[in-house]
N, C-alpha and C. Protein backbone atom coordinates (compact mmCIF):
# COMPACT_ATOMS: atom_id res chain seq x y z
N UNK A 1 123.55 120.42 54.14
CA UNK A 1 124.11 120.59 55.46
C UNK A 1 124.90 119.33 55.79
N UNK A 2 126.12 119.50 56.25
CA UNK A 2 126.93 118.36 56.62
C UNK A 2 127.00 118.26 58.13
N UNK A 3 127.38 117.09 58.63
CA UNK A 3 127.44 116.91 60.07
C UNK A 3 126.07 116.62 60.63
N UNK A 4 125.97 116.67 61.94
CA UNK A 4 124.70 116.38 62.59
C UNK A 4 124.20 117.62 63.29
N UNK A 5 122.95 117.92 63.09
CA UNK A 5 122.33 119.07 63.72
C UNK A 5 120.87 118.76 63.95
N UNK A 6 120.29 119.40 64.93
CA UNK A 6 118.87 119.21 65.20
C UNK A 6 118.22 120.57 65.36
N UNK A 7 117.02 120.69 64.84
CA UNK A 7 116.25 121.92 64.97
C UNK A 7 114.98 121.58 65.72
N UNK A 8 114.76 122.27 66.82
CA UNK A 8 113.56 122.03 67.61
C UNK A 8 112.77 123.32 67.68
N UNK A 9 111.46 123.18 67.70
CA UNK A 9 110.59 124.36 67.79
C UNK A 9 109.55 124.12 68.87
N UNK A 10 109.09 125.20 69.47
CA UNK A 10 108.04 125.12 70.47
C UNK A 10 106.70 125.41 69.82
N UNK A 11 105.65 124.80 70.35
CA UNK A 11 104.32 125.14 69.83
C UNK A 11 104.05 126.63 70.01
N UNK A 12 103.43 127.23 69.03
CA UNK A 12 103.09 128.64 69.14
C UNK A 12 104.10 129.58 68.52
N UNK A 13 105.22 129.05 68.03
CA UNK A 13 106.21 129.90 67.38
C UNK A 13 105.68 130.40 66.05
N UNK A 14 106.03 131.61 65.71
CA UNK A 14 105.59 132.19 64.45
C UNK A 14 106.39 131.59 63.30
N UNK A 15 105.77 131.38 62.14
CA UNK A 15 106.49 130.78 61.01
C UNK A 15 107.75 131.55 60.62
N UNK A 16 107.70 132.88 60.68
CA UNK A 16 108.90 133.64 60.31
C UNK A 16 110.02 133.45 61.32
N UNK A 17 109.67 133.23 62.60
CA UNK A 17 110.69 132.97 63.61
C UNK A 17 111.34 131.61 63.39
N UNK A 18 110.53 130.61 63.02
CA UNK A 18 111.07 129.28 62.74
C UNK A 18 111.99 129.34 61.52
N UNK A 19 111.59 130.08 60.49
CA UNK A 19 112.43 130.22 59.30
C UNK A 19 113.75 130.88 59.63
N UNK A 20 113.73 131.89 60.49
CA UNK A 20 114.97 132.56 60.89
C UNK A 20 115.87 131.60 61.66
N UNK A 21 115.27 130.76 62.50
CA UNK A 21 116.05 129.77 63.26
C UNK A 21 116.70 128.77 62.31
N UNK A 22 115.97 128.35 61.28
CA UNK A 22 116.54 127.42 60.30
C UNK A 22 117.75 128.03 59.60
N UNK A 23 117.66 129.29 59.25
CA UNK A 23 118.78 129.97 58.59
C UNK A 23 119.98 130.01 59.52
N UNK A 24 119.77 130.29 60.80
CA UNK A 24 120.88 130.32 61.76
C UNK A 24 121.55 128.97 61.88
N UNK A 25 120.76 127.90 61.91
CA UNK A 25 121.33 126.56 62.02
C UNK A 25 122.17 126.23 60.78
N UNK A 26 121.66 126.53 59.62
CA UNK A 26 122.39 126.24 58.39
C UNK A 26 123.69 127.04 58.35
N UNK A 27 123.64 128.31 58.71
CA UNK A 27 124.85 129.15 58.71
C UNK A 27 125.87 128.63 59.71
N UNK A 28 125.42 128.16 60.87
CA UNK A 28 126.33 127.70 61.91
C UNK A 28 127.04 126.41 61.52
N UNK A 29 126.40 125.57 60.73
CA UNK A 29 126.97 124.27 60.40
C UNK A 29 127.56 124.20 59.00
N UNK A 30 127.61 125.30 58.30
CA UNK A 30 128.21 125.31 56.97
C UNK A 30 129.73 125.29 57.13
N UNK A 31 130.40 124.31 56.54
CA UNK A 31 131.85 124.28 56.67
C UNK A 31 132.48 125.44 55.89
N UNK A 32 133.49 126.03 56.46
CA UNK A 32 134.20 127.12 55.79
C UNK A 32 135.38 126.50 55.06
N UNK A 33 135.42 126.69 53.77
CA UNK A 33 136.51 126.15 52.97
C UNK A 33 137.50 127.26 52.70
N UNK A 34 138.76 126.95 52.95
CA UNK A 34 139.80 127.95 52.72
C UNK A 34 140.90 127.34 51.86
N UNK A 35 141.66 128.21 51.27
CA UNK A 35 142.89 127.81 50.59
C UNK A 35 144.01 128.56 51.32
N UNK A 36 144.89 127.81 51.97
CA UNK A 36 145.93 128.38 52.83
C UNK A 36 147.27 128.36 52.10
N UNK A 37 147.89 129.53 52.02
CA UNK A 37 149.21 129.65 51.40
C UNK A 37 150.19 130.23 52.41
N UNK A 38 151.44 129.75 52.41
CA UNK A 38 152.45 130.35 53.29
C UNK A 38 152.82 131.75 52.79
N UNK A 39 153.36 132.55 53.68
CA UNK A 39 153.68 133.93 53.33
C UNK A 39 154.71 134.03 52.20
N UNK A 40 155.53 133.01 52.03
CA UNK A 40 156.53 133.03 50.95
C UNK A 40 155.88 133.03 49.57
N UNK A 41 154.61 132.66 49.49
CA UNK A 41 153.91 132.60 48.21
C UNK A 41 152.97 133.80 48.03
N UNK A 42 153.30 134.92 48.65
CA UNK A 42 152.44 136.10 48.59
C UNK A 42 152.28 136.61 47.15
N UNK A 43 153.35 136.57 46.36
CA UNK A 43 153.25 137.04 44.97
C UNK A 43 152.31 136.17 44.15
N UNK A 44 152.39 134.86 44.36
CA UNK A 44 151.46 133.96 43.69
C UNK A 44 150.03 134.26 44.11
N UNK A 45 149.84 134.51 45.40
CA UNK A 45 148.49 134.82 45.90
C UNK A 45 147.94 136.07 45.23
N UNK A 46 148.75 137.11 45.13
CA UNK A 46 148.30 138.35 44.51
C UNK A 46 148.01 138.16 43.02
N UNK A 47 148.86 137.38 42.34
CA UNK A 47 148.62 137.10 40.92
C UNK A 47 147.29 136.37 40.73
N UNK A 48 147.04 135.37 41.57
CA UNK A 48 145.80 134.60 41.45
C UNK A 48 144.59 135.45 41.78
N UNK A 49 144.72 136.34 42.74
CA UNK A 49 143.61 137.25 43.03
C UNK A 49 143.31 138.13 41.83
N UNK A 50 144.36 138.61 41.18
CA UNK A 50 144.18 139.44 39.99
C UNK A 50 143.53 138.71 38.83
N UNK A 51 143.78 137.40 38.73
CA UNK A 51 143.17 136.59 37.67
C UNK A 51 141.82 136.01 38.09
N UNK A 52 141.37 136.34 39.30
CA UNK A 52 140.12 135.79 39.83
C UNK A 52 140.17 134.26 39.86
N UNK A 53 141.31 133.73 40.30
CA UNK A 53 141.58 132.30 40.31
C UNK A 53 141.59 131.74 41.74
N UNK A 54 140.69 132.21 42.57
CA UNK A 54 140.59 131.75 43.95
C UNK A 54 139.25 131.07 44.11
N UNK A 55 139.29 129.81 44.51
CA UNK A 55 138.05 129.04 44.58
C UNK A 55 137.30 129.26 45.88
N UNK A 56 137.98 129.26 47.00
CA UNK A 56 137.35 129.44 48.31
C UNK A 56 137.89 130.72 48.94
N UNK A 57 137.80 130.80 50.24
CA UNK A 57 138.42 131.94 50.93
C UNK A 57 139.92 131.75 50.87
N UNK A 58 140.60 132.81 50.60
CA UNK A 58 142.05 132.78 50.45
C UNK A 58 142.67 133.28 51.75
N UNK A 59 143.55 132.47 52.34
CA UNK A 59 144.19 132.84 53.60
C UNK A 59 145.70 132.77 53.41
N UNK A 60 146.37 133.84 53.77
CA UNK A 60 147.82 133.90 53.70
C UNK A 60 148.35 133.70 55.12
N UNK A 61 149.10 132.62 55.33
CA UNK A 61 149.61 132.28 56.66
C UNK A 61 150.84 133.13 56.96
N UNK A 62 150.70 134.02 57.93
CA UNK A 62 151.79 134.93 58.28
C UNK A 62 152.58 134.44 59.50
N UNK A 63 152.26 133.26 60.02
CA UNK A 63 152.90 132.79 61.25
C UNK A 63 154.39 132.52 61.08
N UNK A 64 154.85 132.30 59.86
CA UNK A 64 156.27 132.02 59.65
C UNK A 64 157.12 133.28 59.60
N UNK A 65 156.52 134.44 59.75
CA UNK A 65 157.27 135.70 59.72
C UNK A 65 157.78 136.14 61.09
N UNK A 66 157.33 135.48 62.13
CA UNK A 66 157.73 135.93 63.49
C UNK A 66 159.09 135.44 63.90
């Protein structure tokens, strides 16, 4: 887990509830890694998807089309 986070529990909480809270904290603080490509590189993006050559989430930036 990166960054700073704190997990607090109240007395009397069930162990499964505490475990679920821990999972929520980890999911909330996990950094999302993306690879951003401009729309002009759409063919490259499709080729790389076909070769399974995408390391993180692949995002195609369409803002330059407006």
